Amino acid sequence: MGLVFSQQKVMAADEGNGQSMTIYGIYLGSAAQGDATLVESEGEYLLMDVGQYESYSYVKKFLNARGVKKLSVYISHLHSDHTGGYTEGKGFEQLCRDFEVEKLYLPSQSLFADKIALNAFLERYDGLAGFFTKYGGSENDICYLKVGDTFTFGDVTVNVIGPVGTDSMNNADFLSGDEKTAYEKASSGASSSGKEETEDDGLEADYDDITDDGSEAELELEEDTLDDPDSEDVEIGYLTITNAYINNLSLISQLVCGDVTFLTTGDTRKEEEELLVKAYGKALKCDILKVAHHGTASSSTKEFMACAQPAYSYIQNSGVAGVRWKTNNGLTWRKTYKARRNAAEYGIVYLVGNEKYDIAYKVSDGEIGMYTSKDGFSEKLRSEER
């Protein structure tokens, strides 16, 4: 099932003051992984991530159906299942060609304490900025975001609250053995060469999962390589830039409309979630949450969810119904179990990739309505006690 209900009735947010926004989690295709969320308020649009290159046709179709002509774009981090691709002819260039992109919001390069990793990703920064200006955008309208930055559109205020602790975070933290030794040697100035790891290629981690009999167990998972059109190695020698490090540099923002808060965390992992809990605690409370990292078990800890306590959560195009990701024992569909379990303690969880329909949360005067594209966003989905 792609719709999970909590054991308690979901209540509406406190009454607002006439302000409104609509949050759309866009379905990107049965085999596609990636994030693409459109937020509309008072006729202004913010597209938060663009999905993978292969899924751009879904994004374009959705924007056209909503009558979008111009919009701003927010990129949580520079992995290609969020940027749409940074090279010629890929999703981001097509977006800039097909729509008027007014502003481009990118993670600040100052988030990279690891300069080898930053150098590996400069090409992506340059590619995105280049296409934005190529199709009419001004360099003055490229905003590099970090903690403390704020911007507005319509009735919405966007407050950037993370990532935190990046000054003490290093790519070597996610390496081991000879790879770690080589990277630390390079970082100390003995070498300046390295190689960027392909997106989600060969990572191993301990993930919460469940066994065939339904009991909880710790399984070691190895993620398959994603079909990422922009995941060619960055040839700076023999070093590896892990996707875990880049994921933990994801922008984390609270979108506030009246008394309603939408929290989005990109592909933030458990290490950064721990830092967020220490930094903000219950101030992470939100009404609506885009679950981190496509609902994979690298994120969505119980401690983080206990602070966020979202009444509504959605998992964006996780591939949970497909075969893109495999566990060592073949439990492909179980990878979102921990995120679903932890989020469902507080409210309704919607899996976009399972349901194969876009999700919409319509916020008006403090009331939150949940809809899907199955019926053209016309029939409200009601919460109920299980």
Protein backbone atom coordinates (compact mmCIF):
# COMPACT_ATOMS: atom_id res chain seq x y z
CA MET A 1 0.00 0.00 0.00
CA GLY A 2 1.18 3.50 -0.73
CA LEU A 3 -1.03 5.25 1.82
CA VAL A 4 -0.32 4.72 5.51
CA PHE A 5 -2.52 6.05 8.30
CA SER A 6 -1.42 6.78 11.83
CA GLN A 7 -3.07 5.41 14.94
CA GLN A 8 -4.35 8.85 15.80
CA LYS A 9 -6.70 11.21 14.01
CA VAL A 10 -4.90 13.93 12.03
CA MET A 11 -6.03 17.40 13.07
CA ALA A 12 -6.03 20.55 10.99
CA ALA A 13 -3.45 23.21 11.72
CA ASP A 14 -4.43 26.21 13.78
CA GLU A 15 -6.66 28.63 11.97
CA GLY A 16 -4.68 30.96 9.75
CA ASN A 17 -5.28 34.45 8.43
CA GLY A 18 -6.33 33.99 4.82
CA GLN A 19 -2.94 32.95 3.46
CA SER A 20 -2.68 30.03 1.06
CA MET A 21 -0.26 27.70 -0.69
CA THR A 22 -0.47 24.39 -2.51
CA ILE A 23 2.31 21.78 -2.36
CA TYR A 24 2.44 19.27 -5.22
CA GLY A 25 4.58 16.13 -5.00
CA ILE A 26 5.05 15.25 -8.67
CA TYR A 27 4.96 11.62 -9.83
CA LEU A 28 7.97 11.08 -12.10
CA GLY A 29 7.22 7.72 -13.69
CA SER A 30 7.14 4.12 -12.51
CA ALA A 31 10.85 3.50 -13.01
CA ALA A 32 12.11 6.97 -12.14
CA GLN A 33 13.69 8.08 -8.92
CA GLY A 34 14.11 11.69 -8.01
CA ASP A 35 12.52 14.67 -6.34
CA ALA A 36 10.30 17.32 -7.89
CA THR A 37 7.93 19.36 -5.73
CA LEU A 38 6.01 22.38 -6.97
CA VAL A 39 4.80 24.96 -4.45
CA GLU A 40 2.26 27.57 -5.58
CA SER A 41 1.10 30.64 -3.69
CA GLU A 42 -0.84 33.61 -5.05
CA GLY A 43 0.03 32.67 -8.63
CA GLU A 44 3.77 32.40 -7.93
CA TYR A 45 5.61 29.10 -8.31
CA LEU A 46 8.69 27.50 -6.77
CA LEU A 47 9.91 24.20 -8.24
CA MET A 48 11.94 22.39 -5.61
CA ASP A 49 14.22 19.98 -7.51
CA VAL A 50 13.71 18.74 -11.07
CA GLY A 51 14.00 14.94 -10.84
CA GLN A 52 16.19 12.91 -13.18
CA TYR A 53 16.75 13.72 -16.84
CA GLU A 54 14.59 10.76 -17.91
CA SER A 55 11.68 12.11 -15.88
CA TYR A 56 11.69 15.68 -17.19
CA SER A 57 8.76 14.95 -19.51
CA TYR A 58 6.63 14.30 -16.41
CA VAL A 59 7.71 17.60 -14.87
CA LYS A 60 6.98 19.51 -18.08
CA LYS A 61 3.56 17.88 -18.49
CA PHE A 62 2.66 18.67 -14.89
CA LEU A 63 3.73 22.32 -15.13
CA ASN A 64 1.82 22.78 -18.39
CA ALA A 65 -1.30 21.23 -16.87
CA ARG A 66 -1.10 23.75 -14.02
CA GLY A 67 -0.75 26.62 -16.48
CA VAL A 68 2.75 27.53 -15.28
CA LYS A 69 4.59 29.95 -17.56
CA LYS A 70 7.26 31.23 -15.21
CA LEU A 71 8.70 29.95 -11.97
CA SER A 72 11.71 29.95 -9.69
CA VAL A 73 13.84 26.84 -9.15
CA TYR A 74 15.35 25.59 -5.88
CA ILE A 75 17.94 22.80 -6.05
CA SER A 76 18.44 21.01 -2.73
CA HIS A 77 21.80 19.49 -3.71
CA LEU A 78 23.71 18.69 -6.87
CA HIS A 79 22.92 15.03 -7.48
CA SER A 80 21.37 14.51 -10.88
CA ASP A 81 18.14 12.93 -9.61
CA HIS A 82 17.43 16.40 -8.22
CA THR A 83 18.95 18.74 -10.82
CA GLY A 84 17.50 17.06 -13.91
CA GLY A 85 21.05 16.89 -15.26
CA TYR A 86 23.59 19.66 -15.56
CA THR A 87 24.91 18.98 -19.07
CA GLU A 88 23.66 20.06 -22.49
CA GLY A 89 20.29 18.72 -23.57
CA LYS A 90 19.41 17.31 -20.16
CA GLY A 91 16.45 18.16 -17.93
CA PHE A 92 17.63 21.42 -16.41
CA GLU A 93 18.48 22.98 -19.76
CA GLN A 94 15.13 21.87 -21.15
CA LEU A 95 13.36 23.42 -18.16
CA CYS A 96 15.12 26.76 -18.73
CA ARG A 97 14.23 26.59 -22.42
CA ASP A 98 10.57 25.63 -21.91
CA PHE A 99 9.71 27.99 -19.05
CA GLU A 100 10.77 31.41 -17.83
CA VAL A 101 12.96 30.72 -14.81
CA GLU A 102 12.98 33.89 -12.73
CA LYS A 103 15.33 32.93 -9.92
CA LEU A 104 17.68 30.03 -9.29
CA TYR A 105 18.41 28.94 -5.71
CA LEU A 106 21.45 26.71 -5.19
CA PRO A 107 23.30 25.42 -2.11
CA SER A 108 26.12 27.77 -1.18
CA GLN A 109 29.57 26.55 -2.14
CA SER A 110 30.62 27.56 1.38
CA LEU A 111 28.85 24.43 2.64
CA PHE A 112 31.76 22.40 1.26
CA ALA A 113 34.42 22.31 3.97
CA ASP A 114 36.01 19.59 1.81
CA LYS A 115 37.66 21.47 -1.05
CA ILE A 116 38.47 18.36 -3.09
CA ALA A 117 34.75 17.54 -3.13
CA LEU A 118 33.88 21.13 -4.02
CA ASN A 119 36.29 21.11 -6.96
CA ALA A 120 34.65 17.90 -8.20
CA PHE A 121 31.25 19.62 -8.21
CA LEU A 122 32.17 23.01 -9.65
CA GLU A 123 31.27 21.75 -13.12
CA ARG A 124 27.73 21.13 -11.92
CA TYR A 125 27.44 24.60 -10.40
CA ASP A 126 28.74 26.10 -13.64
CA GLY A 127 26.40 24.00 -15.78
CA LEU A 128 23.26 24.99 -13.90
CA ALA A 129 24.20 28.66 -13.72
CA GLY A 130 25.19 28.63 -17.38
CA PHE A 131 21.87 27.32 -18.64
CA PHE A 132 19.96 29.71 -16.39
CA THR A 133 21.75 32.73 -17.90
CA LYS A 134 21.72 31.24 -21.42
CA TYR A 135 17.93 31.38 -21.50
CA GLY A 136 17.54 34.88 -20.11
CA GLY A 137 18.29 34.65 -16.41
CA SER A 138 20.51 37.21 -14.72
CA GLU A 139 23.53 36.28 -12.63
CA ASN A 140 22.07 38.60 -10.00
CA ASP A 141 19.10 36.24 -9.73
CA ILE A 142 21.23 33.23 -8.78
CA CYS A 143 21.04 32.89 -5.01
CA TYR A 144 23.45 30.64 -3.10
CA LEU A 145 21.70 29.56 0.09
CA LYS A 146 22.92 28.60 3.55
CA VAL A 147 21.58 28.61 7.11
CA GLY A 148 19.90 31.88 8.00
CA ASP A 149 18.90 32.86 4.47
CA THR A 150 15.26 33.73 3.82
CA PHE A 151 13.18 34.52 0.75
CA THR A 152 9.49 34.90 0.00
CA PHE A 153 7.00 34.24 -2.78
CA GLY A 154 3.25 34.74 -2.57
CA ASP A 155 2.16 34.12 1.01
CA VAL A 156 5.14 31.83 1.68
CA THR A 157 8.32 32.58 3.62
CA VAL A 158 11.19 30.16 3.00
CA ASN A 159 13.58 29.86 5.95
CA VAL A 160 16.81 27.93 5.31
CA ILE A 161 17.69 26.10 8.53
CA GLY A 162 20.27 23.60 7.28
CA PRO A 163 22.51 21.88 6.71
CA VAL A 164 24.23 22.53 10.01
CA GLY A 165 27.66 21.37 11.13
CA THR A 166 29.13 21.31 7.64
CA ASP A 167 32.33 23.04 8.76
CA SER A 168 33.34 19.86 10.59
CA MET A 169 32.00 17.43 7.97
CA ASN A 170 34.39 15.80 5.51
CA ASN A 171 34.07 13.34 2.65
CA ALA A 172 36.66 11.12 4.36
CA ASP A 173 34.15 10.56 7.17
CA PHE A 174 32.27 8.25 4.79
CA LEU A 175 35.30 6.30 3.56
CA SER A 176 37.25 3.47 5.12
CA GLY A 177 40.46 1.53 4.66
CA ASP A 178 42.81 2.44 1.85
CA GLU A 179 40.27 4.81 0.30
CA LYS A 180 40.11 6.82 3.51
CA THR A 181 43.89 6.87 3.88
CA ALA A 182 44.38 8.04 0.29
CA TYR A 183 41.75 10.74 0.63
CA GLU A 184 43.15 12.09 3.88
CA LYS A 185 46.61 12.18 2.32
CA ALA A 186 45.25 14.13 -0.64
CA SER A 187 43.36 16.50 1.64
CA SER A 188 46.54 17.28 3.53
CA GLY A 189 48.10 18.52 0.31
CA ALA A 190 50.19 15.47 -0.58
CA SER A 191 47.94 14.92 -3.63
CA SER A 192 45.24 16.86 -5.43
CA SER A 193 43.71 14.12 -7.53
CA GLY A 194 40.52 12.15 -7.02
CA LYS A 195 37.44 10.68 -8.61
CA GLU A 196 33.80 11.41 -7.97
CA GLU A 197 31.71 8.38 -7.13
CA THR A 198 28.76 7.69 -9.44
CA GLU A 199 25.38 8.46 -7.94
CA ASP A 200 24.49 5.87 -5.26
CA ASP A 201 27.19 3.53 -6.55
CA GLY A 202 28.39 0.75 -4.31
CA LEU A 203 27.48 2.22 -0.94
CA GLU A 204 26.93 -0.10 1.96
CA ALA A 205 25.03 0.79 5.12
CA ASP A 206 23.06 -0.76 7.94
CA TYR A 207 19.36 -0.24 7.23
CA ASP A 208 16.31 -0.98 9.34
CA ASP A 209 14.17 -3.50 7.54
CA ILE A 210 11.84 -6.39 8.24
CA THR A 211 12.22 -10.10 7.72
CA ASP A 212 9.83 -12.34 5.83
CA ASP A 213 7.95 -13.10 9.05
CA GLY A 214 7.36 -9.39 9.68
CA SER A 215 9.80 -8.98 12.55
CA GLU A 216 12.26 -6.11 12.58
CA ALA A 217 15.88 -6.83 11.73
CA GLU A 218 19.06 -5.00 10.82
CA LEU A 219 20.06 -5.84 7.25
CA GLU A 220 23.17 -4.69 5.45
CA LEU A 221 22.09 -3.34 2.08
CA GLU A 222 24.13 -2.60 -0.98
CA GLU A 223 22.56 -0.04 -3.30
CA ASP A 224 22.60 -0.74 -7.03
CA THR A 225 23.98 1.85 -9.40
CA LEU A 226 21.37 4.33 -10.58
CA ASP A 227 20.97 5.06 -14.25
CA ASP A 228 22.25 8.59 -13.85
CA PRO A 229 23.07 10.36 -17.13
CA ASP A 230 25.37 12.79 -15.35
CA SER A 231 27.22 10.33 -13.14
CA GLU A 232 30.41 10.04 -15.16
CA ASP A 233 33.52 10.03 -12.99
CA VAL A 234 35.11 13.40 -12.47
CA GLU A 235 38.67 12.62 -13.44
CA ILE A 236 40.83 14.04 -10.72
CA GLY A 237 42.75 10.83 -10.24
CA TYR A 238 41.92 7.90 -8.00
CA LEU A 239 39.89 9.35 -5.13
CA THR A 240 36.17 8.90 -4.39
CA ILE A 241 33.63 11.60 -3.53
CA THR A 242 30.85 9.71 -1.72
CA ASN A 243 27.23 10.47 -2.36
CA ALA A 244 26.69 10.23 1.41
CA TYR A 245 28.78 13.37 1.95
CA ILE A 246 26.95 15.28 -0.80
CA ASN A 247 23.55 14.17 0.51
CA ASN A 248 24.39 15.62 3.92
CA LEU A 249 25.00 18.98 2.25
CA SER A 250 21.35 19.12 1.16
CA LEU A 251 19.50 22.35 1.85
CA ILE A 252 16.92 22.05 4.63
CA SER A 253 14.12 24.60 4.56
CA GLN A 254 10.90 25.44 6.36
CA LEU A 255 8.21 26.93 4.10
CA VAL A 256 5.82 28.87 6.30
CA CYS A 257 2.36 29.98 5.21
CA GLY A 258 0.36 31.50 8.03
CA ASP A 259 0.35 28.92 10.81
CA VAL A 260 1.29 26.00 8.53
CA THR A 261 4.87 24.78 8.07
CA PHE A 262 6.19 22.54 5.28
CA LEU A 263 9.61 21.00 5.98
CA THR A 264 11.80 19.71 3.16
CA THR A 265 15.21 18.14 3.73
CA GLY A 266 16.52 16.98 0.35
CA ASP A 267 18.54 13.78 0.73
CA THR A 268 19.69 14.48 4.27
CA ARG A 269 20.97 11.38 6.06
CA LYS A 270 20.84 10.28 9.70
CA GLU A 271 24.16 12.01 10.52
CA GLU A 272 22.79 15.42 9.57
CA GLU A 273 19.40 14.65 11.14
CA GLU A 274 21.19 14.10 14.45
CA LEU A 275 22.83 17.52 14.13
CA LEU A 276 19.47 19.12 13.27
CA VAL A 277 17.84 17.59 16.35
CA LYS A 278 20.65 18.95 18.54
CA ALA A 279 20.45 22.40 16.92
CA TYR A 280 16.65 22.86 16.80
CA GLY A 281 14.85 20.15 18.76
CA LYS A 282 11.10 20.75 18.77
CA ALA A 283 11.55 23.80 16.52
CA LEU A 284 11.66 21.24 13.69
CA LYS A 285 7.90 20.75 14.20
CA CYS A 286 6.03 20.81 10.91
CA ASP A 287 2.59 20.07 9.50
CA ILE A 288 3.79 18.63 6.18
CA LEU A 289 7.07 16.80 5.52
CA LYS A 290 8.79 15.69 2.35
CA VAL A 291 10.49 12.58 3.70
CA ALA A 292 14.27 12.70 3.26
CA HIS A 293 16.24 10.70 0.67
CA HIS A 294 13.26 9.12 -1.11
CA GLY A 295 12.25 7.33 2.07
CA THR A 296 15.35 5.16 2.22
CA ALA A 297 16.50 3.95 5.60
CA SER A 298 19.60 6.15 5.58
CA SER A 299 17.30 8.86 7.00
CA SER A 300 14.07 9.41 8.96
CA THR A 301 15.30 8.43 12.41
CA LYS A 302 12.85 8.13 15.29
CA GLU A 303 14.57 11.04 17.02
CA PHE A 304 14.14 13.32 14.01
CA MET A 305 10.49 12.34 13.50
CA ALA A 306 9.78 12.90 17.20
CA CYS A 307 10.83 16.52 16.71
CA ALA A 308 9.16 17.05 13.32
CA GLN A 309 5.89 15.21 14.13
CA PRO A 310 4.36 15.76 10.67
CA ALA A 311 0.61 15.33 10.31
CA TYR A 312 1.18 14.70 6.60
CA SER A 313 4.26 13.12 5.01
CA TYR A 314 5.05 12.07 1.46
CA ILE A 315 7.81 9.95 -0.02
CA GLN A 316 8.90 11.18 -3.41
CA ASN A 317 9.37 8.67 -6.24
CA SER A 318 11.31 6.16 -4.20
CA GLY A 319 11.14 3.30 -6.70
CA VAL A 320 9.70 1.28 -3.84
CA ALA A 321 7.36 -0.54 -6.24
CA GLY A 322 10.15 -1.24 -8.74
CA VAL A 323 13.44 -3.08 -8.82
CA ARG A 324 15.95 -0.25 -9.02
CA TRP A 325 17.29 -0.95 -5.54
CA LYS A 326 17.96 -4.41 -4.13
CA THR A 327 18.82 -5.73 -0.71
CA ASN A 328 21.19 -8.62 -0.23
CA ASN A 329 18.23 -10.96 0.24
CA GLY A 330 16.05 -9.46 -2.47
CA LEU A 331 13.56 -7.53 -0.31
CA THR A 332 13.32 -4.73 -2.84
CA TRP A 333 10.02 -3.28 -1.63
CA ARG A 334 10.99 -3.10 2.02
CA LYS A 335 13.53 -0.29 1.78
CA THR A 336 11.10 2.44 2.93
CA TYR A 337 9.86 0.47 5.92
CA LYS A 338 11.67 2.52 8.58
CA ALA A 339 10.65 5.88 7.15
CA ARG A 340 7.02 4.81 6.78
CA ARG A 341 6.94 3.35 10.27
CA ASN A 342 8.47 6.40 11.94
CA ALA A 343 6.42 8.98 10.02
CA ALA A 344 3.16 7.07 10.51
CA GLU A 345 3.49 7.53 14.27
CA TYR A 346 2.33 11.11 13.70
CA GLY A 347 0.10 11.17 10.64
CA ILE A 348 -0.67 10.08 7.08
CA VAL A 349 2.17 8.89 4.83
CA TYR A 350 1.72 8.97 1.04
CA LEU A 351 4.08 7.10 -1.31
CA VAL A 352 4.05 8.91 -4.65
CA GLY A 353 5.93 6.15 -6.49
CA ASN A 354 3.53 3.45 -5.26
CA GLU A 355 0.29 5.28 -5.88
CA LYS A 356 1.47 6.60 -9.29
CA TYR A 357 -0.50 9.81 -8.77
CA ASP A 358 0.69 13.30 -7.86
CA ILE A 359 -0.11 14.39 -4.31
CA ALA A 360 -1.35 17.86 -3.38
CA TYR A 361 -1.63 19.56 0.00
CA LYS A 362 -3.85 22.61 -0.27
CA VAL A 363 -3.35 25.08 2.56
CA SER A 364 -5.90 27.85 3.04
CA ASP A 365 -6.54 29.91 6.16
CA GLY A 366 -4.74 27.35 8.29
CA GLU A 367 -6.69 24.35 6.95
CA ILE A 368 -4.84 21.53 5.17
CA GLY A 369 -6.57 19.43 2.53
CA MET A 370 -4.95 16.36 0.95
CA TYR A 371 -5.76 15.50 -2.69
CA THR A 372 -4.34 13.40 -5.54
CA SER A 373 -4.35 13.73 -9.31
CA LYS A 374 -6.36 10.51 -9.60
CA ASP A 375 -9.52 12.61 -9.65
CA GLY A 376 -7.95 15.87 -10.77
CA PHE A 377 -7.29 17.06 -7.19
CA SER A 378 -11.03 17.47 -6.70
CA GLU A 379 -11.85 14.98 -3.93
CA LYS A 380 -10.29 15.52 -0.52
CA LEU A 381 -8.76 12.45 1.12
CA ARG A 382 -9.96 12.20 4.72
CA SER A 383 -7.88 10.88 7.59
CA GLU A 384 -9.32 8.16 9.77
CA GLU A 385 -8.46 6.09 12.80
CA ARG A 386 -7.09 2.66 12.07
